[in-house]
PDB file of all heavy atoms in Angstrom:
ATOM      1  N   ASP A   1       6.294   5.002  -7.280  1.00  0.00           N
ATOM      2  CA  ASP A   1       5.345   6.117  -7.179  1.00  0.00           C
ATOM      3  C   ASP A   1       4.077   5.688  -6.444  1.00  0.00           C
ATOM      4  O   ASP A   1       3.500   6.458  -5.667  1.00  0.00           O
ATOM      5  CB  ASP A   1       4.989   6.647  -8.570  1.00  0.00           C
ATOM      6  CG  ASP A   1       6.081   7.515  -9.160  1.00  0.00           C
ATOM      7  OD1 ASP A   1       6.992   7.914  -8.400  1.00  0.00           O
ATOM      8  OD2 ASP A   1       6.043   7.797 -10.380  1.00  0.00           O
ATOM      9  N   ALA A   2       3.655   4.447  -6.697  1.00  0.00           N
ATOM     10  CA  ALA A   2       2.456   3.940  -6.030  1.00  0.00           C
ATOM     11  C   ALA A   2       2.726   3.650  -4.552  1.00  0.00           C
ATOM     12  O   ALA A   2       1.841   3.837  -3.703  1.00  0.00           O
ATOM     13  CB  ALA A   2       1.954   2.687  -6.734  1.00  0.00           C
ATOM     14  N   ILE A   3       3.942   3.196  -4.241  1.00  0.00           N
ATOM     15  CA  ILE A   3       4.313   2.985  -2.835  1.00  0.00           C
ATOM     16  C   ILE A   3       4.281   4.314  -2.087  1.00  0.00           C
ATOM     17  O   ILE A   3       3.708   4.423  -0.992  1.00  0.00           O
ATOM     18  CB  ILE A   3       5.709   2.345  -2.740  1.00  0.00           C
ATOM     19  CG1 ILE A   3       5.693   0.935  -3.321  1.00  0.00           C
ATOM     20  CG2 ILE A   3       6.193   2.321  -1.289  1.00  0.00           C
ATOM     21  CD1 ILE A   3       7.063   0.270  -3.388  1.00  0.00           C
ATOM     22  N   ARG A   4       4.884   5.324  -2.676  1.00  0.00           N
ATOM     23  CA  ARG A   4       4.895   6.657  -2.067  1.00  0.00           C
ATOM     24  C   ARG A   4       3.474   7.172  -1.860  1.00  0.00           C
ATOM     25  O   ARG A   4       3.134   7.687  -0.791  1.00  0.00           O
ATOM     26  CB  ARG A   4       5.679   7.622  -2.960  1.00  0.00           C
ATOM     27  CG  ARG A   4       5.636   9.072  -2.499  1.00  0.00           C
ATOM     28  CD  ARG A   4       6.373   9.988  -3.475  1.00  0.00           C
ATOM     29  NE  ARG A   4       5.863   9.841  -4.828  1.00  0.00           N
ATOM     30  CZ  ARG A   4       4.751  10.419  -5.283  1.00  0.00           C
ATOM     31  NH1 ARG A   4       4.016  11.177  -4.460  1.00  0.00           N
ATOM     32  NH2 ARG A   4       4.359  10.245  -6.525  1.00  0.00           N
ATOM     33  N   ALA A   5       2.636   7.002  -2.877  1.00  0.00           N
ATOM     34  CA  ALA A   5       1.260   7.497  -2.788  1.00  0.00           C
ATOM     35  C   ALA A   5       0.485   6.786  -1.674  1.00  0.00           C
ATOM     36  O   ALA A   5      -0.299   7.416  -0.948  1.00  0.00           O
ATOM     37  CB  ALA A   5       0.554   7.321  -4.129  1.00  0.00           C
ATOM     38  N   ALA A   6       0.705   5.489  -1.526  1.00  0.00           N
ATOM     39  CA  ALA A   6      -0.013   4.731  -0.498  1.00  0.00           C
ATOM     40  C   ALA A   6       0.382   5.185   0.898  1.00  0.00           C
ATOM     41  O   ALA A   6      -0.472   5.327   1.791  1.00  0.00           O
ATOM     42  CB  ALA A   6       0.257   3.239  -0.668  1.00  0.00           C
ATOM     43  N   VAL A   7       1.672   5.423   1.106  1.00  0.00           N
ATOM     44  CA  VAL A   7       2.126   5.875   2.424  1.00  0.00           C
ATOM     45  C   VAL A   7       1.603   7.281   2.707  1.00  0.00           C
ATOM     46  O   VAL A   7       1.093   7.574   3.799  1.00  0.00           O
ATOM     47  CB  VAL A   7       3.657   5.835   2.514  1.00  0.00           C
ATOM     48  CG1 VAL A   7       4.139   6.433   3.842  1.00  0.00           C
ATOM     49  CG2 VAL A   7       4.172   4.394   2.376  1.00  0.00           C
ATOM     50  N   ASN A   8       1.688   8.158   1.719  1.00  0.00           N
ATOM     51  CA  ASN A   8       1.235   9.536   1.920  1.00  0.00           C
ATOM     52  C   ASN A   8      -0.277   9.616   2.131  1.00  0.00           C
ATOM     53  O   ASN A   8      -0.764  10.452   2.897  1.00  0.00           O
ATOM     54  CB  ASN A   8       1.636  10.404   0.725  1.00  0.00           C
ATOM     55  CG  ASN A   8       3.136  10.640   0.665  1.00  0.00           C
ATOM     56  OD1 ASN A   8       3.826  10.564   1.681  1.00  0.00           O
ATOM     57  ND2 ASN A   8       3.644  10.923  -0.523  1.00  0.00           N
ATOM     58  N   ALA A   9      -1.023   8.740   1.453  1.00  0.00           N
ATOM     59  CA  ALA A   9      -2.484   8.769   1.558  1.00  0.00           C
ATOM     60  C   ALA A   9      -2.982   8.227   2.897  1.00  0.00           C
ATOM     61  O   ALA A   9      -4.144   8.414   3.239  1.00  0.00           O
ATOM     62  CB  ALA A   9      -3.111   7.979   0.418  1.00  0.00           C
ATOM     63  N   SER A  10      -2.110   7.577   3.645  1.00  0.00           N
ATOM     64  CA  SER A  10      -2.541   6.966   4.911  1.00  0.00           C
ATOM     65  C   SER A  10      -2.782   8.001   6.001  1.00  0.00           C
ATOM     66  O   SER A  10      -3.362   7.678   7.047  1.00  0.00           O
ATOM     67  CB  SER A  10      -1.495   5.960   5.392  1.00  0.00           C
ATOM     68  OG  SER A  10      -0.314   6.621   5.804  1.00  0.00           O
ATOM     69  N   GLY A  11      -2.320   9.226   5.804  1.00  0.00           N
ATOM     70  CA  GLY A  11      -2.508  10.263   6.807  1.00  0.00           C
ATOM     71  C   GLY A  11      -1.825   9.959   8.122  1.00  0.00           C
ATOM     72  O   GLY A  11      -2.296  10.373   9.181  1.00  0.00           O
ATOM     73  N   GLY A  12      -0.704   9.247   8.080  1.00  0.00           N
ATOM     74  CA  GLY A  12       0.023   8.912   9.300  1.00  0.00           C
ATOM     75  C   GLY A  12      -0.428   7.628   9.963  1.00  0.00           C
ATOM     76  O   GLY A  12       0.181   7.212  10.953  1.00  0.00           O
ATOM     77  N   ASP A  13      -1.474   6.989   9.437  1.00  0.00           N
ATOM     78  CA  ASP A  13      -1.957   5.715   9.980  1.00  0.00           C
ATOM     79  C   ASP A  13      -1.140   4.591   9.336  1.00  0.00           C
ATOM     80  O   ASP A  13      -1.404   4.194   8.198  1.00  0.00           O
ATOM     81  CB  ASP A  13      -3.442   5.550   9.668  1.00  0.00           C
ATOM     82  CG  ASP A  13      -4.044   4.307  10.302  1.00  0.00           C
ATOM     83  OD1 ASP A  13      -3.288   3.367  10.595  1.00  0.00           O
ATOM     84  OD2 ASP A  13      -5.275   4.271  10.479  1.00  0.00           O
ATOM     85  N   LEU A  14      -0.145   4.078  10.060  1.00  0.00           N
ATOM     86  CA  LEU A  14       0.767   3.099   9.472  1.00  0.00           C
ATOM     87  C   LEU A  14       0.089   1.754   9.245  1.00  0.00           C
ATOM     88  O   LEU A  14       0.462   1.025   8.316  1.00  0.00           O
ATOM     89  CB  LEU A  14       2.006   2.942  10.351  1.00  0.00           C
ATOM     90  CG  LEU A  14       2.863   4.206  10.515  1.00  0.00           C
ATOM     91  CD1 LEU A  14       4.143   3.891  11.282  1.00  0.00           C
ATOM     92  CD2 LEU A  14       3.194   4.828   9.157  1.00  0.00           C
ATOM     93  N   ASP A  15      -0.883   1.387  10.056  1.00  0.00           N
ATOM     94  CA  ASP A  15      -1.638   0.155   9.802  1.00  0.00           C
ATOM     95  C   ASP A  15      -2.371   0.253   8.464  1.00  0.00           C
ATOM     96  O   ASP A  15      -2.389  -0.694   7.677  1.00  0.00           O
ATOM     97  CB  ASP A  15      -2.648  -0.102  10.924  1.00  0.00           C
ATOM     98  CG  ASP A  15      -1.991  -0.629  12.181  1.00  0.00           C
ATOM     99  OD1 ASP A  15      -1.174  -1.555  12.071  1.00  0.00           O
ATOM    100  OD2 ASP A  15      -2.282  -0.104  13.268  1.00  0.00           O
ATOM    101  N   ARG A  16      -2.958   1.397   8.235  1.00  0.00           N
ATOM    102  CA  ARG A  16      -3.657   1.624   6.969  1.00  0.00           C
ATOM    103  C   ARG A  16      -2.679   1.575   5.800  1.00  0.00           C
ATOM    104  O   ARG A  16      -2.983   0.981   4.755  1.00  0.00           O
ATOM    105  CB  ARG A  16      -4.351   2.978   7.022  1.00  0.00           C
ATOM    106  CG  ARG A  16      -5.074   3.360   5.733  1.00  0.00           C
ATOM    107  CD  ARG A  16      -5.668   4.754   5.861  1.00  0.00           C
ATOM    108  NE  ARG A  16      -6.205   5.235   4.591  1.00  0.00           N
ATOM    109  CZ  ARG A  16      -6.616   6.472   4.361  1.00  0.00           C
ATOM    110  NH1 ARG A  16      -6.558   7.363   5.370  1.00  0.00           N
ATOM    111  NH2 ARG A  16      -7.079   6.826   3.198  1.00  0.00           N
ATOM    112  N   ALA A  17      -1.498   2.165   5.973  1.00  0.00           N
ATOM    113  CA  ALA A  17      -0.496   2.140   4.910  1.00  0.00           C
ATOM    114  C   ALA A  17      -0.043   0.715   4.617  1.00  0.00           C
ATOM    115  O   ALA A  17       0.109   0.327   3.449  1.00  0.00           O
ATOM    116  CB  ALA A  17       0.699   3.005   5.307  1.00  0.00           C
ATOM    117  N   ALA A  18       0.171  -0.073   5.661  1.00  0.00           N
ATOM    118  CA  ALA A  18       0.608  -1.463   5.469  1.00  0.00           C
ATOM    119  C   ALA A  18      -0.433  -2.267   4.691  1.00  0.00           C
ATOM    120  O   ALA A  18      -0.103  -3.023   3.771  1.00  0.00           O
ATOM    121  CB  ALA A  18       0.889  -2.106   6.828  1.00  0.00           C
ATOM    122  N   ARG A  19      -1.698  -2.099   5.059  1.00  0.00           N
ATOM    123  CA  ARG A  19      -2.760  -2.820   4.347  1.00  0.00           C
ATOM    124  C   ARG A  19      -2.841  -2.378   2.887  1.00  0.00           C
ATOM    125  O   ARG A  19      -3.012  -3.203   1.982  1.00  0.00           O
ATOM    126  CB  ARG A  19      -4.108  -2.583   5.039  1.00  0.00           C
ATOM    127  CG  ARG A  19      -4.224  -3.237   6.403  1.00  0.00           C
ATOM    128  CD  ARG A  19      -5.681  -3.238   6.877  1.00  0.00           C
ATOM    129  NE  ARG A  19      -6.228  -1.891   6.959  1.00  0.00           N
ATOM    130  CZ  ARG A  19      -6.176  -1.122   8.048  1.00  0.00           C
ATOM    131  NH1 ARG A  19      -5.576  -1.568   9.132  1.00  0.00           N
ATOM    132  NH2 ARG A  19      -6.712   0.084   8.055  1.00  0.00           N
ATOM    133  N   ALA A  20      -2.708  -1.086   2.660  1.00  0.00           N
ATOM    134  CA  ALA A  20      -2.797  -0.565   1.300  1.00  0.00           C
ATOM    135  C   ALA A  20      -1.669  -1.108   0.428  1.00  0.00           C
ATOM    136  O   ALA A  20      -1.882  -1.432  -0.755  1.00  0.00           O
ATOM    137  CB  ALA A  20      -2.760   0.962   1.318  1.00  0.00           C
ATOM    138  N   LEU A  21      -0.469  -1.213   0.978  1.00  0.00           N
ATOM    139  CA  LEU A  21       0.662  -1.716   0.205  1.00  0.00           C
ATOM    140  C   LEU A  21       0.480  -3.191  -0.151  1.00  0.00           C
ATOM    141  O   LEU A  21       0.734  -3.603  -1.295  1.00  0.00           O
ATOM    142  CB  LEU A  21       1.954  -1.507   0.994  1.00  0.00           C
ATOM    143  CG  LEU A  21       2.400  -0.052   1.160  1.00  0.00           C
ATOM    144  CD1 LEU A  21       3.562   0.042   2.152  1.00  0.00           C
ATOM    145  CD2 LEU A  21       2.793   0.549  -0.179  1.00  0.00           C
ATOM    146  N   VAL A  22       0.049  -3.985   0.805  1.00  0.00           N
ATOM    147  CA  VAL A  22      -0.173  -5.406   0.528  1.00  0.00           C
ATOM    148  C   VAL A  22      -1.309  -5.586  -0.478  1.00  0.00           C
ATOM    149  O   VAL A  22      -1.214  -6.404  -1.402  1.00  0.00           O
ATOM    150  CB  VAL A  22      -0.463  -6.166   1.838  1.00  0.00           C
ATOM    151  CG1 VAL A  22      -0.933  -7.592   1.542  1.00  0.00           C
ATOM    152  CG2 VAL A  22       0.782  -6.203   2.710  1.00  0.00           C
ATOM    153  N   ASP A  23      -2.365  -4.817  -0.329  1.00  0.00           N
ATOM    154  CA  ASP A  23      -3.480  -4.894  -1.279  1.00  0.00           C
ATOM    155  C   ASP A  23      -3.025  -4.514  -2.689  1.00  0.00           C
ATOM    156  O   ASP A  23      -3.438  -5.135  -3.679  1.00  0.00           O
ATOM    157  CB  ASP A  23      -4.619  -3.977  -0.839  1.00  0.00           C
ATOM    158  CG  ASP A  23      -5.338  -4.484   0.400  1.00  0.00           C
ATOM    159  OD1 ASP A  23      -5.136  -5.662   0.755  1.00  0.00           O
ATOM    160  OD2 ASP A  23      -6.091  -3.698   1.018  1.00  0.00           O
ATOM    161  N   ALA A  24      -2.165  -3.499  -2.787  1.00  0.00           N
ATOM    162  CA  ALA A  24      -1.673  -3.075  -4.100  1.00  0.00           C
ATOM    163  C   ALA A  24      -0.820  -4.159  -4.744  1.00  0.00           C
ATOM    164  O   ALA A  24      -0.904  -4.390  -5.968  1.00  0.00           O
ATOM    165  CB  ALA A  24      -0.868  -1.790  -3.956  1.00  0.00           C
ATOM    166  N   ALA A  25       0.000  -4.857  -3.944  1.00  0.00           N
ATOM    167  CA  ALA A  25       0.823  -5.938  -4.491  1.00  0.00           C
ATOM    168  C   ALA A  25      -0.038  -7.088  -4.983  1.00  0.00           C
ATOM    169  O   ALA A  25       0.227  -7.673  -6.038  1.00  0.00           O
ATOM    170  CB  ALA A  25       1.812  -6.419  -3.431  1.00  0.00           C
ATOM    171  N   ASN A  26      -1.074  -7.411  -4.239  1.00  0.00           N
ATOM    172  CA  ASN A  26      -1.982  -8.476  -4.682  1.00  0.00           C
ATOM    173  C   ASN A  26      -2.769  -8.046  -5.909  1.00  0.00           C
ATOM    174  O   ASN A  26      -3.013  -8.849  -6.820  1.00  0.00           O
ATOM    175  CB  ASN A  26      -2.930  -8.866  -3.547  1.00  0.00           C
ATOM    176  CG  ASN A  26      -2.296  -9.850  -2.577  1.00  0.00           C
ATOM    177  OD1 ASN A  26      -1.541 -10.735  -2.987  1.00  0.00           O
ATOM    178  ND2 ASN A  26      -2.583  -9.699  -1.291  1.00  0.00           N
ATOM    179  N   ALA A  27      -3.154  -6.783  -5.958  1.00  0.00           N
ATOM    180  CA  ALA A  27      -3.879  -6.281  -7.124  1.00  0.00           C
ATOM    181  C   ALA A  27      -2.995  -6.305  -8.371  1.00  0.00           C
ATOM    182  O   ALA A  27      -3.489  -6.472  -9.498  1.00  0.00           O
ATOM    183  CB  ALA A  27      -4.374  -4.859  -6.868  1.00  0.00           C
ATOM    184  N   GLY A  28      -1.679  -6.174  -8.150  1.00  0.00           N
ATOM    185  CA  GLY A  28      -0.750  -6.208  -9.271  1.00  0.00           C
ATOM    186  C   GLY A  28      -0.392  -7.604  -9.719  1.00  0.00           C
ATOM    187  O   GLY A  28       0.387  -7.775 -10.665  1.00  0.00           O
ATOM    188  N   GLY A  29      -0.929  -8.606  -9.081  1.00  0.00           N
ATOM    189  CA  GLY A  29      -0.657  -9.990  -9.470  1.00  0.00           C
ATOM    190  C   GLY A  29      -0.350 -10.889  -8.289  1.00  0.00           C
ATOM    191  O   GLY A  29      -0.610 -12.090  -8.334  1.00  0.00           O
ATOM    192  N   GLY A  30       0.232 -10.348  -7.217  1.00  0.00           N
ATOM    193  CA  GLY A  30       0.530 -11.148  -6.020  1.00  0.00           C
ATOM    194  C   GLY A  30       1.352 -12.374  -6.332  1.00  0.00           C
ATOM    195  O   GLY A  30       1.098 -13.458  -5.806  1.00  0.00           O
ATOM    196  N   GLU A  31       2.381 -12.219  -7.162  1.00  0.00           N
ATOM    197  CA  GLU A  31       3.152 -13.377  -7.613  1.00  0.00           C
ATOM    198  C   GLU A  31       4.111 -13.917  -6.572  1.00  0.00           C
ATOM    199  O   GLU A  31       4.690 -14.986  -6.762  1.00  0.00           O
ATOM    200  CB  GLU A  31       3.916 -13.011  -8.892  1.00  0.00           C
ATOM    201  CG  GLU A  31       3.003 -12.703 -10.075  1.00  0.00           C
ATOM    202  CD  GLU A  31       3.773 -12.395 -11.343  1.00  0.00           C
ATOM    203  OE1 GLU A  31       5.024 -12.425 -11.298  1.00  0.00           O
ATOM    204  OE2 GLU A  31       3.145 -12.127 -12.376  1.00  0.00           O
ATOM    205  N   ASP A  32       4.312 -13.190  -5.491  1.00  0.00           N
ATOM    206  CA  ASP A  32       5.248 -13.628  -4.456  1.00  0.00           C
ATOM    207  C   ASP A  32       4.652 -13.276  -3.103  1.00  0.00           C
ATOM    208  O   ASP A  32       3.654 -12.557  -3.001  1.00  0.00           O
ATOM    209  CB  ASP A  32       6.602 -12.940  -4.654  1.00  0.00           C
ATOM    210  CG  ASP A  32       7.755 -13.669  -3.966  1.00  0.00           C
ATOM    211  OD1 ASP A  32       7.493 -14.619  -3.200  1.00  0.00           O
ATOM    212  OD2 ASP A  32       8.915 -13.265  -4.176  1.00  0.00           O
TER     213      ASP A  32
END
């Protein structure tokens, strides 16, 4: 659900979506 929200919130800016997804993974612990 969070992945979907990040892509949809990017407004079509895929660079922004990519950064948001990586930031979310690190915020969740960044274990890998």
